[in-house]
Protein backbone atom coordinates (compact mmCIF):
# COMPACT_ATOMS: atom_id res chain seq x y z
CA MET A 1 -48.43 53.09 55.64
CA ILE A 2 -46.89 50.53 53.34
CA LYS A 3 -48.84 50.45 49.99
CA LEU A 4 -52.17 52.18 49.66
CA ILE A 5 -54.95 49.38 49.31
CA VAL A 6 -58.21 50.28 47.76
CA CYS A 7 -61.28 48.22 47.85
CA THR A 8 -65.01 48.49 47.35
CA ILE A 9 -67.79 47.47 49.56
CA GLY A 10 -69.31 44.04 48.49
CA ALA A 11 -72.95 43.70 47.76
CA SER A 12 -73.48 41.63 50.84
CA LEU A 13 -72.80 44.73 53.03
CA SER A 14 -75.99 46.42 52.05
CA ILE A 15 -77.33 49.66 53.63
CA ASN A 16 -80.06 47.57 55.47
CA VAL A 17 -77.46 45.35 57.06
CA TYR A 18 -75.69 48.52 58.28
CA SER A 19 -78.80 50.11 59.71
CA GLN A 20 -79.42 46.96 61.83
CA ASN A 21 -76.22 47.05 63.51
CA THR A 22 -75.61 48.86 66.80
CA ILE A 23 -72.34 49.54 68.35
CA ASP A 24 -73.02 46.89 71.14
CA ALA A 25 -74.04 44.23 68.46
CA ILE A 26 -71.10 44.90 66.42
CA LEU A 27 -68.84 44.71 69.48
CA GLU A 28 -70.23 41.38 70.35
CA SER A 29 -69.70 40.12 66.66
CA TYR A 30 -66.02 41.10 67.11
CA LYS A 31 -65.80 39.08 70.27
CA LYS A 32 -67.01 36.00 68.47
CA ASP A 33 -64.99 36.60 65.27
CA LYS A 34 -62.30 33.97 64.77
CA ASP A 35 -60.27 36.60 62.72
CA LEU A 36 -60.00 38.76 65.85
CA GLN A 37 -59.20 35.95 68.35
CA HIS A 38 -55.64 37.10 68.64
CA ALA A 39 -56.31 40.78 67.94
CA THR A 40 -56.42 43.82 70.24
CA TYR A 41 -58.77 46.66 69.50
CA SER A 42 -60.08 49.74 71.00
CA PHE A 43 -62.38 52.68 70.37
CA CYS A 44 -63.35 55.86 71.97
CA VAL A 45 -66.14 58.27 71.11
CA LEU A 46 -66.45 61.69 72.69
CA GLU A 47 -68.78 64.67 72.35
CA ALA A 48 -66.65 66.90 70.23
CA GLN A 49 -67.76 70.13 71.95
CA THR A 50 -67.60 68.92 75.67
CA GLY A 51 -65.16 66.00 75.53
CA LYS A 52 -67.81 63.89 77.43
CA THR A 53 -67.49 60.18 76.74
CA VAL A 54 -70.27 58.71 74.55
CA LYS A 55 -68.94 55.22 73.96
CA GLU A 56 -65.67 53.39 74.60
CA TYR A 57 -64.06 50.07 74.69
CA ASN A 58 -60.61 49.35 75.80
CA SER A 59 -59.84 53.07 75.33
CA GLU A 60 -56.86 53.00 77.77
CA ILE A 61 -54.96 50.23 75.88
CA ALA A 62 -51.99 51.61 73.97
CA LEU A 63 -51.96 50.23 70.48
CA ILE A 64 -50.01 50.95 67.25
CA PRO A 65 -51.70 53.82 65.43
CA ALA A 66 -50.06 53.56 61.96
CA SER A 67 -50.75 56.96 60.05
CA THR A 68 -53.40 57.98 62.51
CA MET A 69 -50.25 59.18 64.47
CA LYS A 70 -50.12 61.94 62.00
CA ILE A 71 -53.05 63.82 63.88
CA MET A 72 -50.69 64.38 66.84
CA THR A 73 -47.92 65.69 64.54
CA THR A 74 -49.96 68.06 62.33
CA SER A 75 -52.16 69.37 65.09
CA ALA A 76 -49.03 70.16 67.27
CA ALA A 77 -47.45 71.91 64.30
CA LEU A 78 -50.55 74.07 63.83
CA GLY A 79 -50.72 74.89 67.56
CA ILE A 80 -46.84 75.59 67.85
CA LEU A 81 -46.17 77.38 64.63
CA GLY A 82 -49.68 78.66 63.49
CA LYS A 83 -51.55 78.03 60.37
CA ASP A 84 -49.89 80.99 58.43
CA TYR A 85 -46.32 79.83 59.25
CA THR A 86 -44.09 79.57 56.09
CA TYR A 87 -40.67 78.00 55.63
CA LYS A 88 -38.13 80.33 54.28
CA THR A 89 -35.06 79.13 52.30
CA ASN A 90 -32.45 81.81 51.97
CA PHE A 91 -30.00 82.20 49.02
CA TYR A 92 -26.77 84.02 49.60
CA THR A 93 -23.81 84.88 47.34
CA PHE A 94 -20.27 85.49 48.78
CA THR A 95 -16.83 85.89 47.30
CA LYS A 96 -13.88 83.71 48.48
CA THR A 97 -10.27 84.62 47.93
CA ASP A 98 -7.61 82.00 47.78
CA SER A 99 -4.86 82.87 50.25
CA ILE A 100 -2.00 81.44 48.07
CA SER A 101 -3.05 82.35 44.52
CA GLY A 102 -5.05 85.44 45.36
CA THR A 103 -7.82 84.21 42.95
CA SER A 104 -11.35 85.11 43.91
CA THR A 105 -14.47 83.02 43.19
CA ASN A 106 -18.09 83.84 43.42
CA ASN A 107 -20.20 81.34 45.36
CA LEU A 108 -23.79 80.56 46.07
CA LEU A 109 -25.06 79.29 49.43
CA ILE A 110 -28.65 77.99 49.95
CA LYS A 111 -29.57 77.63 53.55
CA GLY A 112 -32.36 75.07 53.99
CA SER A 113 -35.14 75.49 56.48
CA GLY A 114 -36.61 72.08 56.46
CA ASP A 115 -39.24 72.97 53.80
CA PRO A 116 -41.02 69.64 52.65
CA SER A 117 -42.79 71.53 49.88
CA PHE A 118 -39.55 72.76 48.19
CA LYS A 119 -40.28 71.88 44.60
CA SER A 120 -42.96 69.36 45.66
CA SER A 121 -45.29 68.10 43.05
CA TYR A 122 -48.34 69.21 45.17
CA PHE A 123 -47.33 72.83 44.51
CA TYR A 124 -45.25 73.16 41.31
CA ASN A 125 -46.27 71.93 38.02
CA SER A 126 -42.94 72.67 36.16
CA ASP A 127 -39.44 73.54 36.75
CA GLY A 128 -40.04 77.13 35.47
CA ASP A 129 -42.58 77.76 38.17
CA PHE A 130 -40.04 76.91 40.67
CA PHE A 131 -36.79 78.11 39.37
CA ASN A 132 -37.75 81.23 37.38
CA PRO A 133 -38.26 83.52 40.60
CA ILE A 134 -34.74 82.41 41.75
CA LEU A 135 -33.20 83.25 38.37
CA GLU A 136 -35.00 86.56 38.05
CA LYS A 137 -33.88 87.81 41.46
CA ILE A 138 -30.16 86.77 40.86
CA LYS A 139 -30.30 88.72 37.58
CA ALA A 140 -31.89 91.67 39.10
CA LYS A 141 -29.05 91.91 41.76
CA ASN A 142 -26.52 91.86 38.94
CA ILE A 143 -24.64 89.08 40.64
CA LYS A 144 -21.41 88.06 38.93
CA LYS A 145 -21.28 84.61 37.28
CA ILE A 146 -21.00 81.85 39.95
CA ASN A 147 -17.69 80.27 39.20
CA GLY A 148 -16.74 78.65 42.58
CA SER A 149 -19.13 76.60 44.57
CA ILE A 150 -22.89 75.99 44.98
CA ILE A 151 -23.37 74.99 48.61
CA ALA A 152 -26.52 73.45 50.09
CA ASP A 153 -26.71 73.89 53.93
CA VAL A 154 -28.71 71.19 55.33
CA SER A 155 -27.87 71.86 59.03
CA TYR A 156 -31.36 72.91 60.13
CA PHE A 157 -32.21 69.13 60.69
CA ASN A 158 -29.90 66.27 61.58
CA ASN A 159 -31.00 64.52 58.42
CA THR A 160 -31.50 61.04 59.86
CA ILE A 161 -34.44 58.76 59.54
CA PRO A 162 -36.31 57.54 62.70
CA SER A 163 -34.20 54.72 64.34
CA THR A 164 -37.13 52.41 64.53
CA TRP A 165 -37.99 52.41 60.93
CA ILE A 166 -37.59 48.95 59.22
CA TRP A 167 -35.37 48.03 56.27
CA GLY A 168 -38.39 46.96 54.21
CA ASP A 169 -39.78 50.51 54.37
CA ILE A 170 -36.94 53.02 54.13
CA GLY A 171 -35.86 52.48 50.42
CA ASN A 172 -39.41 53.25 49.22
CA TYR A 173 -41.00 56.61 48.46
CA PHE A 174 -43.01 56.42 51.76
CA GLY A 175 -39.86 55.89 53.58
CA ALA A 176 -38.44 59.39 52.69
CA GLY A 177 -37.52 61.18 55.78
CA ALA A 178 -37.03 64.88 56.79
CA ASN A 179 -34.08 66.84 55.29
CA GLY A 180 -32.75 70.24 55.98
CA LEU A 181 -33.11 70.93 52.23
CA SER A 182 -35.62 68.67 50.80
CA PHE A 183 -36.32 68.62 46.98
CA ARG A 184 -38.94 67.12 44.78
CA ASP A 185 -40.64 65.21 47.61
CA ASN A 186 -37.35 63.30 48.20
CA LYS A 187 -38.24 60.63 45.85
CA PHE A 188 -37.20 59.34 42.39
CA SER A 189 -38.85 56.83 39.77
CA ILE A 190 -37.96 53.57 38.54
CA PHE A 191 -39.97 52.51 35.21
CA TYR A 192 -40.68 48.89 34.28
CA ASN A 193 -42.14 47.09 31.32
CA SER A 194 -43.93 43.85 32.47
CA GLY A 195 -44.83 41.00 30.22
CA ALA A 196 -46.88 37.76 30.63
CA LEU A 197 -47.86 36.43 33.91
CA ASN A 198 -45.04 35.29 36.15
CA THR A 199 -42.21 36.55 33.88
CA SER A 200 -39.58 39.02 34.86
CA ALA A 201 -40.43 42.68 34.30
CA GLU A 202 -37.80 44.57 32.46
CA LEU A 203 -36.25 47.73 34.01
CA GLU A 204 -36.78 50.42 31.41
CA SER A 205 -35.60 53.63 32.79
CA ILE A 206 -34.80 55.74 35.88
CA SER A 207 -36.08 59.31 36.45
CA PRO A 208 -34.74 62.00 36.78
CA ASN A 209 -31.87 61.21 34.47
CA TYR A 210 -29.53 62.47 37.24
CA PHE A 211 -30.13 59.31 39.19
CA ALA A 212 -30.02 57.11 36.04
CA LYS A 213 -26.30 58.10 35.69
CA LYS A 214 -25.53 57.45 39.46
CA MET A 215 -27.80 54.72 40.54
CA THR A 216 -27.17 50.88 40.51
CA ILE A 217 -30.31 48.87 40.50
CA GLN A 218 -30.49 45.14 41.27
CA SER A 219 -33.88 44.15 40.00
CA ASN A 220 -36.01 41.04 40.59
CA VAL A 221 -39.58 42.15 39.93
CA ILE A 222 -42.17 39.69 38.57
CA SER A 223 -45.30 40.32 36.49
CA ALA A 224 -48.10 39.26 38.83
CA GLY A 225 -51.09 40.54 40.74
CA THR A 226 -53.05 43.66 40.14
CA GLU A 227 -51.44 46.11 42.36
CA ASP A 228 -47.89 47.75 42.87
CA ASP A 229 -46.38 45.28 45.24
CA ALA A 230 -42.73 46.06 44.28
CA PHE A 231 -40.45 47.16 47.22
CA VAL A 232 -37.14 49.14 47.04
CA PHE A 233 -34.38 48.36 49.46
CA GLY A 234 -31.28 50.43 50.12
CA ASP A 235 -29.36 52.87 52.21
CA PRO A 236 -31.11 56.14 52.32
CA ASN A 237 -28.09 58.09 51.16
CA GLY A 238 -26.60 55.39 48.97
CA TYR A 239 -26.86 54.88 45.25
CA ASN A 240 -27.40 51.19 45.23
CA ARG A 241 -31.03 49.76 45.24
CA LYS A 242 -32.47 46.33 45.20
CA VAL A 243 -36.10 45.99 43.96
CA THR A 244 -38.15 42.93 44.47
CA GLY A 245 -41.81 42.02 44.34
CA THR A 246 -44.61 42.11 41.84
CA ILE A 247 -46.23 44.58 39.44
CA PRO A 248 -49.25 43.89 37.19
CA PRO A 249 -48.55 41.97 33.80
CA ASN A 250 -48.59 43.58 30.54
CA LYS A 251 -47.79 47.11 31.55
CA THR A 252 -45.41 49.64 29.78
CA HIS A 253 -43.65 52.53 31.59
CA TYR A 254 -44.84 51.25 34.92
CA GLU A 255 -43.73 53.57 37.79
CA VAL A 256 -42.29 52.45 40.99
CA GLU A 257 -41.39 55.23 43.32
CA ALA A 258 -38.30 55.14 45.61
CA GLU A 259 -36.68 57.32 48.37
CA MET A 260 -34.22 59.79 46.90
CA PRO A 261 -30.53 59.86 48.25
CA GLU A 262 -28.94 63.23 49.07
CA PRO A 263 -31.94 65.61 47.74
CA ALA A 264 -30.04 68.68 48.59
CA LEU A 265 -27.10 67.65 46.32
CA TYR A 266 -29.52 66.95 43.54
CA PHE A 267 -31.10 70.40 44.07
CA ALA A 268 -27.60 72.00 43.77
CA HIS A 269 -27.11 70.11 40.54
CA GLN A 270 -30.44 71.30 38.96
CA LEU A 271 -29.77 74.88 40.29
CA GLN A 272 -26.36 74.83 38.54
CA SER A 273 -27.95 73.62 35.30
CA GLU A 274 -30.53 76.42 35.37
CA LEU A 275 -27.98 79.09 36.34
CA GLN A 276 -25.68 77.86 33.42
CA LYS A 277 -28.57 78.08 30.86
CA ASN A 278 -29.04 81.62 31.80
CA ASN A 279 -25.22 82.47 31.61
CA LEU A 280 -25.25 82.81 35.39
CA ALA A 281 -22.78 79.99 36.27
CA THR A 282 -19.81 78.24 34.70
CA ALA A 283 -19.79 74.39 33.98
CA ASP A 284 -16.96 73.81 36.43
CA VAL A 285 -18.92 74.88 39.65
CA LYS A 286 -18.40 72.63 42.59
CA LEU A 287 -21.47 71.12 44.17
CA LEU A 288 -21.33 70.74 47.90
CA THR A 289 -23.75 69.90 50.85
CA ILE A 290 -22.79 70.98 54.47
CA GLU A 291 -24.23 69.81 57.77
CA GLN A 292 -23.06 72.77 59.91
CA ASN A 293 -24.07 76.48 59.77
CA THR A 294 -21.16 78.27 57.93
CA LEU A 295 -22.69 81.80 57.71
CA LYS A 296 -19.91 84.15 58.51
CA GLY A 297 -21.74 87.44 58.04
CA ASN A 298 -20.21 88.60 54.72
CA GLU A 299 -22.79 86.93 52.70
CA GLN A 300 -25.31 88.89 50.62
CA LEU A 301 -28.95 87.75 50.74
CA VAL A 302 -30.26 87.67 47.25
CA TYR A 303 -33.36 85.60 47.40
CA THR A 304 -35.71 84.12 49.93
CA HIS A 305 -37.99 81.20 48.83
CA GLN A 306 -41.06 81.08 50.89
CA SER A 307 -43.24 78.14 51.20
CA PRO A 308 -47.00 77.84 51.00
CA LYS A 309 -48.62 78.39 54.38
CA LEU A 310 -48.63 75.65 56.89
CA GLU A 311 -52.33 74.91 56.65
CA LYS A 312 -51.84 73.94 52.99
CA ILE A 313 -48.79 71.68 54.05
CA VAL A 314 -50.80 70.08 56.84
CA TYR A 315 -53.59 69.49 54.21
CA TYR A 316 -51.43 67.41 52.01
CA THR A 317 -49.77 65.71 55.01
CA ASN A 318 -53.11 64.23 56.03
CA ILE A 319 -55.04 63.88 52.87
CA LYS A 320 -52.21 62.21 51.16
CA SER A 321 -50.76 60.58 54.41
CA ASN A 322 -47.30 61.83 53.44
CA ASN A 323 -44.69 60.55 55.70
CA HIS A 324 -42.01 62.82 54.42
CA TYR A 325 -44.17 65.91 55.13
CA ALA A 326 -45.02 64.63 58.69
CA GLU A 327 -41.29 63.83 59.64
CA SER A 328 -40.50 67.38 58.30
CA LEU A 329 -43.16 68.97 60.48
CA LEU A 330 -41.91 66.97 63.53
CA ASN A 331 -38.47 68.11 63.01
CA THR A 332 -39.56 71.70 62.49
CA ILE A 333 -41.42 71.97 65.79
CA GLY A 334 -38.48 70.25 67.46
CA ALA A 335 -36.21 73.02 66.19
CA ALA A 336 -38.70 75.75 67.06
CA LYS A 337 -39.16 74.68 70.65
CA SER A 338 -35.67 73.61 71.47
CA LYS A 339 -33.90 76.46 69.54
CA LYS A 340 -31.56 73.71 68.38
CA GLN A 341 -31.17 71.57 65.28
CA GLY A 342 -34.37 69.70 64.45
CA THR A 343 -34.35 66.17 65.23
CA THR A 344 -37.02 63.37 65.68
CA SER A 345 -36.34 63.21 69.41
CA ASN A 346 -36.77 67.02 70.14
CA GLY A 347 -39.84 66.98 67.76
CA ILE A 348 -41.55 64.34 69.85
CA ASP A 349 -40.84 66.24 73.02
CA ALA A 350 -42.45 69.22 71.48
CA ALA A 351 -45.52 67.42 70.28
CA LYS A 352 -46.00 65.68 73.65
CA ASN A 353 -45.32 68.75 75.71
CA TYR A 354 -47.69 70.84 73.50
CA TRP A 355 -50.71 68.43 74.16
CA GLU A 356 -49.87 67.93 77.76
CA SER A 357 -49.86 71.73 78.31
CA ARG A 358 -53.40 71.66 76.73
CA GLY A 359 -54.53 69.27 79.53
CA VAL A 360 -54.13 65.88 77.69
CA ASP A 361 -52.90 62.96 79.66
CA VAL A 362 -50.07 61.72 77.52
CA SER A 363 -48.94 58.85 79.66
CA GLY A 364 -50.30 56.27 77.12
CA LEU A 365 -48.56 58.03 74.29
CA HIS A 366 -45.14 56.59 72.97
CA MET A 367 -44.00 58.38 69.82
CA ALA A 368 -41.14 57.10 67.80
CA ASP A 369 -41.73 59.15 64.81
CA GLY A 370 -44.19 61.77 63.38
CA SER A 371 -45.78 59.80 60.61
CA GLY A 372 -46.75 56.51 62.18
CA LEU A 373 -44.54 54.46 59.94
CA SER A 374 -42.75 52.99 62.96
CA ARG A 375 -44.03 49.90 64.63
CA ALA A 376 -42.75 51.28 67.95
CA ASN A 377 -45.40 53.98 68.10
CA THR A 378 -48.26 53.37 70.56
CA ILE A 379 -51.21 55.50 71.58
CA THR A 380 -54.62 55.10 73.23
CA THR A 381 -57.84 55.81 71.57
CA LYS A 382 -58.75 57.95 74.52
CA ILE A 383 -55.72 60.16 73.81
CA GLN A 384 -56.51 60.55 70.18
CA ALA A 385 -60.28 61.27 70.83
CA THR A 386 -59.37 63.76 73.52
CA VAL A 387 -56.91 65.66 71.23
CA LEU A 388 -59.58 65.64 68.42
CA SER A 389 -62.07 67.10 70.90
CA LYS A 390 -59.73 69.85 71.93
CA ILE A 391 -58.98 70.63 68.31
CA TYR A 392 -62.66 70.97 67.61
CA ARG A 393 -62.98 73.60 70.31
CA ASP A 394 -60.04 75.59 69.06
CA SER A 395 -61.33 78.17 66.74
CA LEU A 396 -57.80 78.96 65.20
CA MET A 397 -56.73 75.27 64.72
CA TYR A 398 -59.95 73.46 63.89
CA PRO A 399 -60.65 74.98 60.36
CA ALA A 400 -57.32 74.08 58.93
CA PHE A 401 -57.08 70.72 60.61
CA ASN A 402 -60.58 69.63 59.71
CA ALA A 403 -60.09 70.62 56.04
CA SER A 404 -57.11 68.22 55.99
CA LEU A 405 -59.10 65.19 56.90
CA PRO A 406 -60.42 62.79 54.07
CA VAL A 407 -64.18 62.73 53.80
CA ALA A 408 -66.01 59.51 53.73
CA GLY A 409 -67.14 58.45 50.36
CA LYS A 410 -65.41 61.49 48.76
CA ASN A 411 -61.67 61.71 48.93
CA GLY A 412 -58.35 60.50 49.95
CA SER A 413 -58.05 57.20 51.83
CA MET A 414 -61.84 57.47 52.77
CA THR A 415 -63.05 57.47 49.08
CA ASN A 416 -64.51 54.01 49.25
CA LEU A 417 -65.63 53.87 52.78
CA CYS A 418 -69.30 54.27 53.95
CA LYS A 419 -70.73 54.64 50.58
CA GLY A 420 -74.49 54.83 50.48
CA THR A 421 -74.76 55.35 54.19
CA PHE A 422 -75.58 58.42 56.43
CA ALA A 423 -71.80 58.47 57.32
CA GLU A 424 -70.90 59.30 53.53
CA ASN A 425 -69.94 63.02 53.53
CA ASN A 426 -70.69 63.22 57.29
CA MET A 427 -67.40 61.55 58.50
CA ARG A 428 -63.94 63.08 58.28
CA ALA A 429 -61.11 60.93 59.32
CA LYS A 430 -57.33 60.24 59.15
CA THR A 431 -56.82 56.66 58.32
CA GLY A 432 -53.92 54.48 58.94
CA TYR A 433 -52.57 51.13 57.91
CA ILE A 434 -49.26 49.08 58.33
CA ASN A 435 -48.83 45.41 58.73
CA ARG A 436 -51.64 44.09 61.02
CA ALA A 437 -52.52 47.46 62.30
CA ARG A 438 -55.35 49.63 60.97
CA GLY A 439 -57.19 52.61 62.50
CA TYR A 440 -59.42 55.70 61.87
CA CYS A 441 -59.82 58.71 63.87
CA GLY A 442 -61.59 62.06 63.19
CA TYR A 443 -65.14 63.54 63.45
CA VAL A 444 -68.63 62.32 62.47
CA LYS A 445 -72.02 64.16 62.35
CA THR A 446 -74.70 61.91 63.79
CA LYS A 447 -78.26 61.64 62.56
CA SER A 448 -79.33 63.70 65.39
CA GLY A 449 -77.01 66.51 64.51
CA LYS A 450 -74.29 65.83 67.16
CA GLU A 451 -70.53 66.26 66.37
CA LEU A 452 -68.60 63.46 67.80
CA ALA A 453 -64.80 62.94 67.94
CA PHE A 454 -63.70 59.33 67.62
CA SER A 455 -60.81 56.96 67.37
CA VAL A 456 -60.77 53.28 66.42
CA LEU A 457 -57.67 51.16 66.43
CA PHE A 458 -57.22 47.31 65.53
CA ASN A 459 -53.89 45.49 65.99
CA ASN A 460 -52.78 41.80 65.12
CA TYR A 461 -55.88 40.56 63.45
CA ASP A 462 -55.58 37.34 61.36
CA CYS A 463 -57.58 38.29 58.28
CA SER A 464 -56.46 40.25 55.22
CA PRO A 465 -56.22 44.07 55.13
CA LYS A 466 -59.17 44.15 52.95
CA GLU A 467 -61.32 42.14 55.16
CA MET A 468 -60.32 44.05 58.27
CA LYS A 469 -61.32 47.23 56.55
CA LEU A 470 -64.82 45.94 56.02
CA LYS A 471 -65.09 44.71 59.49
CA ILE A 472 -64.14 48.18 60.87
CA GLU A 473 -66.37 49.92 58.36
CA LYS A 474 -69.49 48.53 60.10
CA LEU A 475 -68.28 50.15 63.31
CA LEU A 476 -67.66 53.48 61.60
CA VAL A 477 -71.09 53.49 59.92
CA ALA A 478 -72.82 52.74 63.26
CA LEU A 479 -71.30 55.91 64.82
CA VAL A 480 -73.91 58.01 63.12
CA ASP A 481 -76.66 56.43 65.40
CA LEU A 482 -75.05 57.43 68.72
């Protein structure tokens, strides 16, 4: 996923034209389409209840799935962890005595659990909603004022982005990876004021203010176009960013979102500020992050922050196509299955082993991440459709997974697809798009009442993303006649 591209169906693609197209006729039109002369494409349609093949084309060809890869990650997370799983972030206090001076300090240690929803905008409307329970519990414990260190332990994950993510992605909000202690969706905002067409946009401000004080921005953003087409470049944990591209002309306070460096350190800063306001910490507290487990056994557990249930986290992972959430889930199942630190590698092993244990032939699956942002990912439509069929037959997993899929003509990335056709409101699908790769996979109820599981992937087409979307839409609409 690079930038969300939203388009409407042109008048030329009327309902009557849709109804005249069969799968075979559409496939023949693809074969004659000059825009697809160099493309590779595949689809697989199965009866959801039986797994029986209904229709397929090139279903054993491995293609780049883009964000449809998220179905592998989110379903494996539901299967391995269970829909009611919650992340637990523990807060400990401990006293440390200097061996030379004999001076004692009171310290606070926060042990991250990889929770991607930690102060996420999907779940918290204000700082008070998030911080007040922490403050109240510390007050209730009669903890002495924190005057030593606030330590954020991020050791649950190895805190590296997938090695195959490209430089053009990793500085942007959608390039935020997993972290042992994430905070505020691991992103910050850069605001611009744009002027007349083809003039330079003015960098107005950076939010939160914490980053305005630390961040150096080199900006070359032009006022042009109708979409956010500005891209942020920079080391994930560095404080230098370069922003290039375009934003629409004549806008004020126009937001460009970027990946946040060191989210755990920012959290420690915010926590110290809240504690100080409540006379629970001094102004000279040291803020630290650590990447190894330092629990020694003498700490006092004072508060456990519990995340929403996994089914809600999966919902936002798929409905919003959130890469940060997907990578966090992948690292989480890696830690759960290996009993070691969560990594991209052991997360991939966990996902593949899970579906192999459920009878899926994963020989055509090559995962490089959990979100689909990497161009090194490949999968077959047969694998995706088979996984979807098995989910459909799993009474524990299916309700939560199905609820996370955007509905055609209604919400998420399917809002503007299949409008005015039988597929509207009868198709639920995860969508995916990166450069020259687009896909859809999910479920559709046919006119005869059958439930089908399907996957459609297109790679290396020569037309625009908008045009490719419309070409695939014909195929999606025709699925209801199978």
